Amino acid sequence: MEAAIGPDNVMSVVCSAPPDSVKGWTRAKVYIEGDLFCHESGGTFFELVGP
């Protein structure tokens, strides 16, 4: 797992999926809204590809 905090204090998290998964990588966005921790799926991917 790798994570970084970006603009507006939003954390982007990239995780490797279990070995038997069809897609090997997941991404999520984590942030605080009021008193709540919120998270949104950023999708699943076949490969970890950088910009």
N, C-alpha and C. Protein backbone atom coordinates (compact mmCIF):
# COMPACT_ATOMS: atom_id res chain seq x y z
N MET A 1 0.84 -1.17 0.00
CA MET A 1 0.00 0.00 0.00
C MET A 1 0.89 1.23 0.00
N GLU A 2 0.49 2.21 -0.78
CA GLU A 2 1.15 3.50 -0.78
C GLU A 2 0.08 4.57 -0.69
N ALA A 3 0.40 5.67 -0.02
CA ALA A 3 -0.56 6.74 0.14
C ALA A 3 0.15 8.08 0.09
N ALA A 4 -0.58 9.10 -0.34
CA ALA A 4 -0.05 10.46 -0.37
C ALA A 4 -1.20 11.43 -0.14
N ILE A 5 -0.90 12.54 0.53
CA ILE A 5 -1.90 13.57 0.78
C ILE A 5 -1.72 14.65 -0.28
N GLY A 6 -2.80 14.98 -0.97
CA GLY A 6 -2.74 15.97 -2.04
C GLY A 6 -3.48 17.24 -1.65
N PRO A 7 -3.86 18.01 -2.65
CA PRO A 7 -4.58 19.27 -2.41
C PRO A 7 -5.86 19.02 -1.61
N ASP A 8 -6.24 19.99 -0.82
CA ASP A 8 -7.47 19.93 -0.02
C ASP A 8 -7.45 18.79 1.00
N ASN A 9 -6.27 18.34 1.41
CA ASN A 9 -6.12 17.28 2.41
C ASN A 9 -6.83 15.98 2.02
N VAL A 10 -6.82 15.65 0.74
CA VAL A 10 -7.39 14.40 0.25
C VAL A 10 -6.25 13.39 0.13
N MET A 11 -6.44 12.19 0.72
CA MET A 11 -5.42 11.15 0.65
C MET A 11 -5.76 10.20 -0.48
N SER A 12 -4.78 9.92 -1.32
CA SER A 12 -4.93 8.94 -2.40
C SER A 12 -4.18 7.68 -1.98
N VAL A 13 -4.87 6.53 -2.04
CA VAL A 13 -4.31 5.26 -1.58
C VAL A 13 -4.29 4.27 -2.75
N VAL A 14 -3.15 3.62 -2.97
CA VAL A 14 -3.02 2.58 -3.98
C VAL A 14 -2.63 1.29 -3.27
N CYS A 15 -3.40 0.22 -3.50
CA CYS A 15 -3.17 -1.06 -2.83
C CYS A 15 -3.07 -2.18 -3.85
N SER A 16 -2.25 -3.16 -3.55
CA SER A 16 -2.24 -4.37 -4.39
C SER A 16 -3.35 -5.28 -3.89
N ALA A 17 -4.03 -5.93 -4.81
CA ALA A 17 -5.14 -6.83 -4.49
C ALA A 17 -4.59 -8.22 -4.17
N PRO A 18 -5.40 -9.09 -3.56
CA PRO A 18 -4.95 -10.46 -3.28
C PRO A 18 -4.50 -11.17 -4.57
N PRO A 19 -3.60 -12.13 -4.46
CA PRO A 19 -3.02 -12.80 -5.64
C PRO A 19 -4.04 -13.43 -6.59
N ASP A 20 -5.19 -13.88 -6.09
CA ASP A 20 -6.17 -14.53 -6.97
C ASP A 20 -7.16 -13.56 -7.61
N SER A 21 -6.95 -12.25 -7.45
CA SER A 21 -7.84 -11.24 -8.02
C SER A 21 -7.63 -11.11 -9.53
N VAL A 22 -8.69 -10.76 -10.24
CA VAL A 22 -8.59 -10.53 -11.68
C VAL A 22 -7.75 -9.29 -11.96
N LYS A 23 -8.05 -8.22 -11.25
CA LYS A 23 -7.29 -6.98 -11.39
C LYS A 23 -6.41 -6.82 -10.17
N GLY A 24 -5.14 -6.51 -10.39
CA GLY A 24 -4.15 -6.54 -9.31
C GLY A 24 -4.01 -5.29 -8.47
N TRP A 25 -4.65 -4.18 -8.87
CA TRP A 25 -4.42 -2.92 -8.17
C TRP A 25 -5.74 -2.19 -7.93
N THR A 26 -5.83 -1.52 -6.78
CA THR A 26 -7.00 -0.70 -6.47
C THR A 26 -6.54 0.69 -6.05
N ARG A 27 -7.42 1.66 -6.23
CA ARG A 27 -7.12 3.03 -5.82
C ARG A 27 -8.33 3.58 -5.08
N ALA A 28 -8.10 4.37 -4.05
CA ALA A 28 -9.19 4.97 -3.30
C ALA A 28 -8.81 6.39 -2.90
N LYS A 29 -9.84 7.21 -2.68
CA LYS A 29 -9.68 8.58 -2.21
C LYS A 29 -10.29 8.63 -0.81
N VAL A 30 -9.54 9.13 0.18
CA VAL A 30 -10.01 9.21 1.56
C VAL A 30 -9.95 10.67 2.00
N TYR A 31 -11.03 11.13 2.65
CA TYR A 31 -11.08 12.52 3.09
C TYR A 31 -12.02 12.64 4.28
N ILE A 32 -11.98 13.78 4.96
CA ILE A 32 -12.86 14.05 6.09
C ILE A 32 -13.91 15.04 5.64
N GLU A 33 -15.17 14.72 5.93
CA GLU A 33 -16.29 15.60 5.62
C GLU A 33 -17.08 15.80 6.90
N GLY A 34 -16.97 16.99 7.50
CA GLY A 34 -17.59 17.22 8.81
C GLY A 34 -16.88 16.37 9.85
N ASP A 35 -17.63 15.51 10.54
CA ASP A 35 -17.05 14.61 11.55
C ASP A 35 -16.84 13.20 11.02
N LEU A 36 -16.96 13.00 9.72
CA LEU A 36 -16.91 11.65 9.14
C LEU A 36 -15.69 11.44 8.26
N PHE A 37 -15.14 10.21 8.32
CA PHE A 37 -14.13 9.79 7.35
C PHE A 37 -14.88 9.22 6.15
N CYS A 38 -14.59 9.71 4.97
CA CYS A 38 -15.27 9.26 3.75
C CYS A 38 -14.24 8.62 2.82
N HIS A 39 -14.68 7.65 2.03
CA HIS A 39 -13.79 7.07 1.03
C HIS A 39 -14.57 6.77 -0.23
N GLU A 40 -13.90 6.92 -1.35
CA GLU A 40 -14.48 6.67 -2.66
C GLU A 40 -13.55 5.76 -3.44
N SER A 41 -14.14 4.82 -4.15
CA SER A 41 -13.34 3.95 -5.00
C SER A 41 -12.80 4.75 -6.18
N GLY A 42 -11.53 4.53 -6.48
CA GLY A 42 -10.94 5.15 -7.66
C GLY A 42 -10.81 4.15 -8.79
N GLY A 43 -11.31 2.92 -8.55
CA GLY A 43 -11.29 1.90 -9.59
C GLY A 43 -10.30 0.79 -9.29
N THR A 44 -10.36 -0.23 -10.13
CA THR A 44 -9.42 -1.35 -10.07
C THR A 44 -8.73 -1.43 -11.42
N PHE A 45 -7.49 -1.92 -11.43
CA PHE A 45 -6.67 -1.88 -12.63
C PHE A 45 -5.87 -3.16 -12.81
N PHE A 46 -5.62 -3.51 -14.06
CA PHE A 46 -4.83 -4.70 -14.37
C PHE A 46 -3.35 -4.51 -14.05
N GLU A 47 -2.82 -3.29 -14.27
CA GLU A 47 -1.40 -3.00 -14.08
C GLU A 47 -1.21 -1.71 -13.30
N LEU A 48 -0.10 -1.62 -12.59
CA LEU A 48 0.27 -0.39 -11.91
C LEU A 48 1.10 0.43 -12.90
N VAL A 49 0.50 1.47 -13.46
CA VAL A 49 1.18 2.27 -14.49
C VAL A 49 1.23 3.71 -14.00
N GLY A 50 2.40 4.29 -13.97
CA GLY A 50 2.56 5.66 -13.54
C GLY A 50 2.35 6.64 -14.69
N PRO A 51 2.27 7.94 -14.35
CA PRO A 51 2.05 8.95 -15.39
C PRO A 51 3.24 9.10 -16.33
